[in-house]
Structures are given as structure tokens and as C-alpha cells.
Amino acid sequence: MALIRRACLDDAKRIWQIQTDSIRSVCRTHYQPDVIEAWASQLKPSSYEVPIEEREVIVAEQHGQVVGFGQLNLETHEMETLYVDSEQIGKGIGAELLKSLESIAHQNGVIELKIASSLNAVSFYQKHGYQQICKMPEEVPSPVLVCVGMSKSLDNASSELKFSESQSN
């Protein structure tokens, strides 16, 4: 089990490494190389500073190393991103992050959470109760990145949806 905590500015470089590595290694099974490179190359470690300060960004940590992260925008009710270190995929870290983000959203009055899922992650979100609502292009420098719009009702969320500040320390 990973320690889930709020991200801090010192995490920005590791978050960037996880996301760009995941895009280049995991997402390549569903996207063309030019799409992958356009997507990954637009990201910089500094890209995460404003979200860390202004949104809900959490990290999963094991043995002092950040191994995954997720980002939630409470204003738009959108989970903007969730990535796990490519060597840690399939170990439950993504599910832990997802559950924590859902908890934060629920505690802040969000009754429906939306995500623009990459094609390779659709089955992960479906497994956790998300339903496909549409296919959509995501704003990435040309060429277009096709994503799947998904949502999940948090209205009937169980008591398991609890993210406490003690997890953020």
C-alpha cells in the first residue's frame, strides 16, 4: 500500500518524469508516434507548479519515492490526470489514487466526476465504475489526441470515500 499525500512543489520534476515516461511507454499501444511525441513534449516540470498550488494534486509514495500522481479540478468537477510509474502499473497504486481523488471530490460536494481518458486507460476507469459518455479530441499541439469522455456519479458514494488530512502529511 502506498502513502497518499498532497503534492508539494518539490514533487514537480518527479511528476513530470512519471507522466512523460508513461505517455511514451504505456500509451504507445494506442497512439501513433507523432501523437505521443506532441503530447509528451508539451510537458515541462514547471507545468505542474500552478496545479500543485491551485488544484488538488496528490501523489502516491513508496519507500520515499513518488510512484504516481493524480490531479483534480474542483471547479470543473474533472479529474484532469492520473498516472503511475510504468514499472508500478498493475499493483493497485492507480486504484488508490483514484479512490483518494474521488474522496476529495465527494468531500467538496462534487456529485459527478468527469475525466478525458486516454484510450489505453478506458478499461481501468470502467473497472472503477466510470461510464463512457463520448469520444473527444483533447487540446494538444497537432496532431489531435483522441480521448474518451467518461463520468462517474459520486452521489451514492460509500463511506469508503474518505481522504483525511492525515494522509497528506
C-alpha atoms as a PDB file:
ATOM      1  CA  MET A   1       0.000   0.000   0.000  1.00  0.00           C
ATOM      2  CA  ALA A   2       1.286   3.437  -0.930  1.00  0.00           C
ATOM      3  CA  LEU A   3       1.248   6.564   1.179  1.00  0.00           C
ATOM      4  CA  ILE A   4      -1.132   9.046  -0.463  1.00  0.00           C
ATOM      5  CA  ARG A   5      -0.374  12.696   0.261  1.00  0.00           C
ATOM      6  CA  ARG A   6      -0.820  16.136  -1.206  1.00  0.00           C
ATOM      7  CA  ALA A   7       1.841  17.040  -3.741  1.00  0.00           C
ATOM      8  CA  CYS A   8       4.327  19.792  -2.995  1.00  0.00           C
ATOM      9  CA  LEU A   9       6.434  21.864  -5.383  1.00  0.00           C
ATOM     10  CA  ASP A  10       9.425  19.591  -4.776  1.00  0.00           C
ATOM     11  CA  ASP A  11       7.424  16.787  -6.440  1.00  0.00           C
ATOM     12  CA  ALA A  12       7.032  18.615  -9.776  1.00  0.00           C
ATOM     13  CA  LYS A  13      10.071  17.094 -11.510  1.00  0.00           C
ATOM     14  CA  ARG A  14       9.187  13.519 -10.476  1.00  0.00           C
ATOM     15  CA  ILE A  15       5.544  14.025 -11.503  1.00  0.00           C
ATOM     16  CA  TRP A  16       6.767  15.212 -14.907  1.00  0.00           C
ATOM     17  CA  GLN A  17       9.046  12.156 -15.227  1.00  0.00           C
ATOM     18  CA  ILE A  18       6.191   9.785 -14.403  1.00  0.00           C
ATOM     19  CA  GLN A  19       3.782  11.388 -16.859  1.00  0.00           C
ATOM     20  CA  THR A  20       6.177  11.714 -19.795  1.00  0.00           C
ATOM     21  CA  ASP A  21       7.541   8.177 -19.288  1.00  0.00           C
ATOM     22  CA  SER A  22       4.021   6.777 -19.091  1.00  0.00           C
ATOM     23  CA  ILE A  23       2.928   8.615 -22.228  1.00  0.00           C
ATOM     24  CA  ARG A  24       5.966   7.335 -24.138  1.00  0.00           C
ATOM     25  CA  SER A  25       5.821   3.746 -22.871  1.00  0.00           C
ATOM     26  CA  VAL A  26       2.256   2.850 -21.868  1.00  0.00           C
ATOM     27  CA  CYS A  27       0.222   5.000 -24.256  1.00  0.00           C
ATOM     28  CA  ARG A  28       2.192   3.998 -27.351  1.00  0.00           C
ATOM     29  CA  THR A  29      -0.022   0.934 -27.748  1.00  0.00           C
ATOM     30  CA  HIS A  30      -2.986   3.183 -28.588  1.00  0.00           C
ATOM     31  CA  TYR A  31      -1.494   6.259 -30.296  1.00  0.00           C
ATOM     32  CA  GLN A  32       0.790   6.959 -33.244  1.00  0.00           C
ATOM     33  CA  PRO A  33       4.394   8.066 -32.541  1.00  0.00           C
ATOM     34  CA  ASP A  34       3.781  11.648 -33.743  1.00  0.00           C
ATOM     35  CA  VAL A  35       0.827  11.991 -31.351  1.00  0.00           C
ATOM     36  CA  ILE A  36       2.888  10.577 -28.468  1.00  0.00           C
ATOM     37  CA  GLU A  37       5.752  12.974 -29.091  1.00  0.00           C
ATOM     38  CA  ALA A  38       3.495  16.035 -29.446  1.00  0.00           C
ATOM     39  CA  TRP A  39       1.729  15.068 -26.206  1.00  0.00           C
ATOM     40  CA  ALA A  40       4.856  14.354 -24.150  1.00  0.00           C
ATOM     41  CA  SER A  41       6.970  17.212 -25.473  1.00  0.00           C
ATOM     42  CA  GLN A  42       4.494  19.896 -24.402  1.00  0.00           C
ATOM     43  CA  LEU A  43       5.075  18.995 -20.733  1.00  0.00           C
ATOM     44  CA  LYS A  44       7.762  20.572 -18.541  1.00  0.00           C
ATOM     45  CA  PRO A  45       8.476  20.177 -14.820  1.00  0.00           C
ATOM     46  CA  SER A  46       7.308  23.781 -14.336  1.00  0.00           C
ATOM     47  CA  SER A  47       3.930  22.838 -15.891  1.00  0.00           C
ATOM     48  CA  TYR A  48       2.945  21.284 -12.561  1.00  0.00           C
ATOM     49  CA  GLU A  49       3.701  24.219 -10.258  1.00  0.00           C
ATOM     50  CA  VAL A  50       0.416  26.114 -10.694  1.00  0.00           C
ATOM     51  CA  PRO A  51      -1.749  22.985 -10.409  1.00  0.00           C
ATOM     52  CA  ILE A  52       0.120  21.900  -7.260  1.00  0.00           C
ATOM     53  CA  GLU A  53      -0.595  25.284  -5.700  1.00  0.00           C
ATOM     54  CA  GLU A  54      -4.129  25.856  -7.018  1.00  0.00           C
ATOM     55  CA  ARG A  55      -5.745  22.442  -7.536  1.00  0.00           C
ATOM     56  CA  GLU A  56      -5.952  19.134  -5.748  1.00  0.00           C
ATOM     57  CA  VAL A  57      -2.801  17.259  -6.714  1.00  0.00           C
ATOM     58  CA  ILE A  58      -1.901  14.126  -4.794  1.00  0.00           C
ATOM     59  CA  VAL A  59       0.966  11.683  -5.039  1.00  0.00           C
ATOM     60  CA  ALA A  60       1.454   8.038  -4.128  1.00  0.00           C
ATOM     61  CA  GLU A  61       4.733   7.395  -2.396  1.00  0.00           C
ATOM     62  CA  GLN A  62       6.522   4.129  -1.648  1.00  0.00           C
ATOM     63  CA  HIS A  63       9.816   3.922   0.209  1.00  0.00           C
ATOM     64  CA  GLY A  64      10.225   7.710  -0.070  1.00  0.00           C
ATOM     65  CA  GLN A  65       9.784   7.701  -3.872  1.00  0.00           C
ATOM     66  CA  VAL A  66       6.806   9.203  -5.717  1.00  0.00           C
ATOM     67  CA  VAL A  67       5.349   6.400  -7.874  1.00  0.00           C
ATOM     68  CA  GLY A  68       2.139   8.015  -9.108  1.00  0.00           C
ATOM     69  CA  PHE A  69       0.031  11.142  -9.038  1.00  0.00           C
ATOM     70  CA  GLY A  70      -3.407  12.484  -9.786  1.00  0.00           C
ATOM     71  CA  GLN A  71      -4.862  15.933 -10.337  1.00  0.00           C
ATOM     72  CA  LEU A  72      -8.398  17.109  -9.648  1.00  0.00           C
ATOM     73  CA  ASN A  73     -10.058  20.377 -10.640  1.00  0.00           C
ATOM     74  CA  LEU A  74     -12.863  21.006  -8.150  1.00  0.00           C
ATOM     75  CA  GLU A  75     -14.245  23.938 -10.173  1.00  0.00           C
ATOM     76  CA  THR A  76     -14.885  21.862 -13.294  1.00  0.00           C
ATOM     77  CA  HIS A  77     -15.508  18.559 -11.454  1.00  0.00           C
ATOM     78  CA  GLU A  78     -12.829  16.979 -13.623  1.00  0.00           C
ATOM     79  CA  MET A  79     -10.075  14.569 -12.756  1.00  0.00           C
ATOM     80  CA  GLU A  80      -7.504  16.120 -15.037  1.00  0.00           C
ATOM     81  CA  THR A  81      -4.841  13.459 -14.847  1.00  0.00           C
ATOM     82  CA  LEU A  82      -3.801  10.234 -13.154  1.00  0.00           C
ATOM     83  CA  TYR A  83      -0.514   8.488 -13.907  1.00  0.00           C
ATOM     84  CA  VAL A  84       1.506   5.716 -12.299  1.00  0.00           C
ATOM     85  CA  ASP A  85       5.183   4.934 -12.835  1.00  0.00           C
ATOM     86  CA  SER A  86       5.214   2.451 -15.730  1.00  0.00           C
ATOM     87  CA  GLU A  87       7.113  -0.091 -13.593  1.00  0.00           C
ATOM     88  CA  GLN A  88       4.398   0.078 -10.907  1.00  0.00           C
ATOM     89  CA  ILE A  89       1.326  -0.414 -13.119  1.00  0.00           C
ATOM     90  CA  GLY A  90      -0.953  -3.231 -12.021  1.00  0.00           C
ATOM     91  CA  LYS A  91      -0.018  -3.016  -8.338  1.00  0.00           C
ATOM     92  CA  GLY A  92      -3.090  -1.091  -7.163  1.00  0.00           C
ATOM     93  CA  ILE A  93      -1.461   2.335  -6.965  1.00  0.00           C
ATOM     94  CA  GLY A  94      -3.725   3.826  -9.628  1.00  0.00           C
ATOM     95  CA  ALA A  95      -6.781   2.496  -7.800  1.00  0.00           C
ATOM     96  CA  GLU A  96      -5.563   4.033  -4.525  1.00  0.00           C
ATOM     97  CA  LEU A  97      -5.012   7.398  -6.196  1.00  0.00           C
ATOM     98  CA  LEU A  98      -8.389   7.225  -7.929  1.00  0.00           C
ATOM     99  CA  LYS A  99     -10.208   6.401  -4.696  1.00  0.00           C
ATOM    100  CA  SER A 100      -8.458   9.300  -2.927  1.00  0.00           C
ATOM    101  CA  LEU A 101      -9.336  11.771  -5.700  1.00  0.00           C
ATOM    102  CA  GLU A 102     -12.958  10.598  -5.642  1.00  0.00           C
ATOM    103  CA  SER A 103     -12.995  11.089  -1.884  1.00  0.00           C
ATOM    104  CA  ILE A 104     -11.640  14.623  -2.145  1.00  0.00           C
ATOM    105  CA  ALA A 105     -14.221  15.421  -4.819  1.00  0.00           C
ATOM    106  CA  HIS A 106     -17.064  13.940  -2.777  1.00  0.00           C
ATOM    107  CA  GLN A 107     -15.992  15.810   0.363  1.00  0.00           C
ATOM    108  CA  ASN A 108     -16.095  19.027  -1.671  1.00  0.00           C
ATOM    109  CA  GLY A 109     -19.626  18.484  -2.927  1.00  0.00           C
ATOM    110  CA  VAL A 110     -18.882  17.006  -6.343  1.00  0.00           C
ATOM    111  CA  ILE A 111     -21.653  14.592  -7.291  1.00  0.00           C
ATOM    112  CA  GLU A 112     -20.364  13.626 -10.733  1.00  0.00           C
ATOM    113  CA  LEU A 113     -16.692  13.323 -11.611  1.00  0.00           C
ATOM    114  CA  LYS A 114     -15.573  13.619 -15.243  1.00  0.00           C
ATOM    115  CA  ILE A 115     -12.378  12.600 -16.996  1.00  0.00           C
ATOM    116  CA  ALA A 116     -10.976  12.750 -20.509  1.00  0.00           C
ATOM    117  CA  SER A 117      -9.376   9.307 -20.527  1.00  0.00           C
ATOM    118  CA  SER A 118      -6.588   8.290 -22.838  1.00  0.00           C
ATOM    119  CA  LEU A 119      -7.600   5.314 -24.961  1.00  0.00           C
ATOM    120  CA  ASN A 120      -5.315   2.947 -23.070  1.00  0.00           C
ATOM    121  CA  ALA A 121      -6.908   3.820 -19.688  1.00  0.00           C
ATOM    122  CA  VAL A 122     -10.592   3.376 -20.596  1.00  0.00           C
ATOM    123  CA  SER A 123     -10.802  -0.166 -19.212  1.00  0.00           C
ATOM    124  CA  PHE A 124      -9.181   0.952 -15.925  1.00  0.00           C
ATOM    125  CA  TYR A 125     -11.835   3.625 -15.409  1.00  0.00           C
ATOM    126  CA  GLN A 126     -14.651   1.290 -16.462  1.00  0.00           C
ATOM    127  CA  LYS A 127     -13.452  -1.219 -13.869  1.00  0.00           C
ATOM    128  CA  HIS A 128     -13.881   1.540 -11.265  1.00  0.00           C
ATOM    129  CA  GLY A 129     -17.406   2.486 -12.269  1.00  0.00           C
ATOM    130  CA  TYR A 130     -16.846   5.168 -14.917  1.00  0.00           C
ATOM    131  CA  GLN A 131     -19.038   5.184 -17.994  1.00  0.00           C
ATOM    132  CA  GLN A 132     -18.145   6.377 -21.451  1.00  0.00           C
ATOM    133  CA  ILE A 133     -20.076   9.464 -22.474  1.00  0.00           C
ATOM    134  CA  CYS A 134     -18.275  10.492 -25.701  1.00  0.00           C
ATOM    135  CA  LYS A 135     -15.078  10.424 -27.745  1.00  0.00           C
ATOM    136  CA  MET A 136     -13.387  13.776 -27.984  1.00  0.00           C
ATOM    137  CA  PRO A 137     -10.233  15.449 -29.222  1.00  0.00           C
ATOM    138  CA  GLU A 138      -8.020  16.811 -26.468  1.00  0.00           C
ATOM    139  CA  GLU A 139      -6.237  20.123 -26.937  1.00  0.00           C
ATOM    140  CA  VAL A 140      -2.701  19.070 -27.769  1.00  0.00           C
ATOM    141  CA  PRO A 141      -0.481  20.582 -30.450  1.00  0.00           C
ATOM    142  CA  SER A 142      -1.208  18.966 -33.803  1.00  0.00           C
ATOM    143  CA  PRO A 143      -1.869  16.074 -34.358  1.00  0.00           C
ATOM    144  CA  VAL A 144      -5.060  15.638 -32.352  1.00  0.00           C
ATOM    145  CA  LEU A 145      -5.081  13.364 -29.312  1.00  0.00           C
ATOM    146  CA  VAL A 146      -8.302  11.357 -29.176  1.00  0.00           C
ATOM    147  CA  CYS A 147      -9.655  10.789 -25.664  1.00  0.00           C
ATOM    148  CA  VAL A 148     -12.795   9.226 -24.248  1.00  0.00           C
ATOM    149  CA  GLY A 149     -15.053  11.379 -22.102  1.00  0.00           C
ATOM    150  CA  MET A 150     -16.101   9.413 -19.039  1.00  0.00           C
ATOM    151  CA  SER A 151     -18.000  10.146 -15.857  1.00  0.00           C
ATOM    152  CA  LYS A 152     -18.969   8.584 -12.560  1.00  0.00           C
ATOM    153  CA  SER A 153     -21.674   9.550 -10.115  1.00  0.00           C
ATOM    154  CA  LEU A 154     -20.318  10.125  -6.618  1.00  0.00           C
ATOM    155  CA  ASP A 155     -23.835  10.861  -5.362  1.00  0.00           C
ATOM    156  CA  ASN A 156     -24.232   7.445  -3.768  1.00  0.00           C
ATOM    157  CA  ALA A 157     -20.614   7.225  -2.674  1.00  0.00           C
ATOM    158  CA  SER A 158     -19.885   4.726   0.029  1.00  0.00           C
ATOM    159  CA  SER A 159     -18.316   5.511   3.353  1.00  0.00           C
ATOM    160  CA  GLU A 160     -15.049   4.229   1.855  1.00  0.00           C
ATOM    161  CA  LEU A 161     -14.644   7.607   0.157  1.00  0.00           C
ATOM    162  CA  LYS A 162     -12.602   9.286   2.829  1.00  0.00           C
ATOM    163  CA  PHE A 163      -9.417  11.269   2.292  1.00  0.00           C
ATOM    164  CA  SER A 164      -8.161  12.696   5.512  1.00  0.00           C
ATOM    165  CA  GLU A 165      -5.583  15.381   6.065  1.00  0.00           C
ATOM    166  CA  SER A 166      -3.557  12.784   7.959  1.00  0.00           C
ATOM    167  CA  GLN A 167      -2.867  11.142   4.584  1.00  0.00           C
ATOM    168  CA  SER A 168      -1.475  14.392   3.273  1.00  0.00           C
ATOM    169  CA  ASN A 169       1.365  14.729   5.753  1.00  0.00           C
END
